[in-house]
Amino acid sequence: MQSDPMEPLAPKVPFNARVTSLIAGHLERGRVGVEAIASQLHMSRHTLHKRLKREGHTFAALLEEIRRERALAYLNDRSKSLVEIAEQLGFSELSAFSRAFKRWMGKSPGAYRSMAV
């Protein structure tokens, strides 16, 4: 049975979007590592890095972008402590989260939160 030539093909999901989705899912359950994502995609870590590079991305940059977006959203929820947010984003400790947040936004998470009142 042939497909209708006039019927559009389903758009192929970019590889980086698949990786981003997997990172987001793993992050919700704790820390995320490149090995776990590569394994879930049935490839080596090296192949994962190579495929992302071909699309102009890196694993670290995708992870950082997800963490940044979530950090901004989590900081609006005043019921969450900064330590809790750091843990939910997979940081080993609050100071690591604070350094990353300051790099992203130019101010500490506490200062950002107090400005967003």
Protein backbone atom coordinates (compact mmCIF):
# COMPACT_ATOMS: atom_id res chain seq x y z
CA MET A 1 0.00 0.00 0.00
CA GLN A 2 1.54 3.29 -1.10
CA SER A 3 1.06 6.54 0.75
CA ASP A 4 -0.66 9.42 -0.95
CA PRO A 5 2.07 11.61 -2.57
CA MET A 6 -0.02 14.70 -1.78
CA GLU A 7 -0.15 13.86 1.93
CA PRO A 8 2.56 15.73 3.86
CA LEU A 9 5.07 13.62 5.71
CA ALA A 10 5.08 13.91 9.46
CA PRO A 11 7.77 16.39 10.44
CA LYS A 12 10.83 14.75 11.91
CA VAL A 13 11.54 15.83 15.46
CA PRO A 14 15.03 17.36 15.70
CA PHE A 15 17.45 15.25 17.69
CA ASN A 16 18.14 18.09 20.13
CA ALA A 17 14.42 18.31 20.91
CA ARG A 18 14.36 14.59 21.76
CA VAL A 19 17.39 15.02 24.01
CA THR A 20 15.87 18.10 25.66
CA SER A 21 12.69 16.17 26.41
CA LEU A 22 14.66 13.31 27.96
CA ILE A 23 16.76 15.71 30.03
CA ALA A 24 13.60 17.39 31.34
CA GLY A 25 12.11 14.04 32.32
CA HIS A 26 15.25 12.90 34.10
CA LEU A 27 15.64 16.22 35.87
CA GLU A 28 12.21 15.78 37.45
CA ARG A 29 13.41 12.53 39.00
CA GLY A 30 16.73 13.90 40.24
CA ARG A 31 20.09 14.40 38.63
CA VAL A 32 20.60 13.85 34.98
CA GLY A 33 23.70 12.55 33.27
CA VAL A 34 24.79 12.24 29.69
CA GLU A 35 25.34 8.49 30.11
CA ALA A 36 21.73 7.91 31.15
CA ILE A 37 20.37 9.92 28.22
CA ALA A 38 22.68 8.22 25.72
CA SER A 39 21.65 4.82 27.06
CA GLN A 40 17.97 5.70 26.72
CA LEU A 41 18.61 6.66 23.09
CA HIS A 42 20.52 3.38 22.55
CA MET A 43 23.78 5.06 21.67
CA SER A 44 27.15 5.81 23.18
CA ARG A 45 27.95 9.05 24.90
CA HIS A 46 30.30 9.87 22.05
CA THR A 47 27.56 9.37 19.43
CA LEU A 48 25.17 11.52 21.44
CA HIS A 49 27.71 14.35 21.56
CA LYS A 50 28.45 13.96 17.85
CA ARG A 51 24.76 14.08 16.85
CA LEU A 52 24.14 17.16 18.98
CA LYS A 53 27.23 18.87 17.59
CA ARG A 54 25.96 18.22 14.06
CA GLU A 55 22.86 20.27 14.98
CA GLY A 56 24.95 22.97 16.64
CA HIS A 57 24.18 22.01 20.26
CA THR A 58 25.91 20.52 23.27
CA PHE A 59 24.49 18.40 26.05
CA ALA A 60 25.73 20.87 28.66
CA ALA A 61 24.04 23.81 26.92
CA LEU A 62 20.71 21.96 26.65
CA LEU A 63 20.84 20.99 30.33
CA GLU A 64 21.76 24.53 31.35
CA GLU A 65 18.89 26.03 29.33
CA ILE A 66 16.35 23.71 30.96
CA ARG A 67 17.74 24.47 34.40
CA ARG A 68 17.64 28.23 33.75
CA GLU A 69 14.04 28.16 32.53
CA ARG A 70 12.92 26.04 35.46
CA ALA A 71 14.85 28.12 37.97
CA LEU A 72 13.00 31.25 36.85
CA ALA A 73 9.66 29.47 37.16
CA TYR A 74 10.50 27.87 40.52
CA LEU A 75 11.61 31.19 42.02
CA ASN A 76 8.10 32.54 41.49
CA ASP A 77 6.80 29.84 43.86
CA ARG A 78 7.62 31.36 47.23
CA SER A 79 6.72 28.13 49.03
CA LYS A 80 9.94 26.56 47.68
CA SER A 81 13.16 27.30 49.48
CA LEU A 82 16.32 28.02 47.49
CA VAL A 83 17.81 24.75 48.73
CA GLU A 84 14.74 22.87 47.48
CA ILE A 85 14.98 24.59 44.08
CA ALA A 86 18.68 23.74 43.82
CA GLU A 87 17.90 20.07 44.55
CA GLN A 88 15.04 19.97 42.03
CA LEU A 89 17.38 21.33 39.37
CA GLY A 90 19.96 18.64 40.09
CA PHE A 91 22.61 20.84 41.71
CA SER A 92 24.80 19.21 44.34
CA GLU A 93 24.38 22.15 46.71
CA LEU A 94 22.92 25.63 46.98
CA SER A 95 26.22 27.35 46.25
CA ALA A 96 26.51 25.59 42.87
CA PHE A 97 22.98 26.71 41.98
CA SER A 98 23.70 30.26 43.14
CA ARG A 99 26.85 30.49 41.00
CA ALA A 100 25.01 29.18 37.94
CA PHE A 101 22.05 31.50 38.49
CA LYS A 102 24.31 34.51 38.89
CA ARG A 103 26.03 33.59 35.62
CA TRP A 104 22.64 33.35 33.87
CA MET A 105 20.88 36.37 35.33
CA GLY A 106 23.62 38.59 36.76
CA LYS A 107 22.27 38.38 40.32
CA SER A 108 21.79 35.81 43.03
CA PRO A 109 18.58 33.75 43.20
CA GLY A 110 17.63 35.52 46.44
CA ALA A 111 18.11 38.97 44.91
CA TYR A 112 16.14 37.94 41.81
CA ARG A 113 13.32 36.56 43.93
CA SER A 114 13.10 39.72 46.07
CA MET A 115 12.93 41.89 42.92
CA ALA A 116 10.08 39.80 41.51
CA VAL A 117 7.69 40.71 44.33
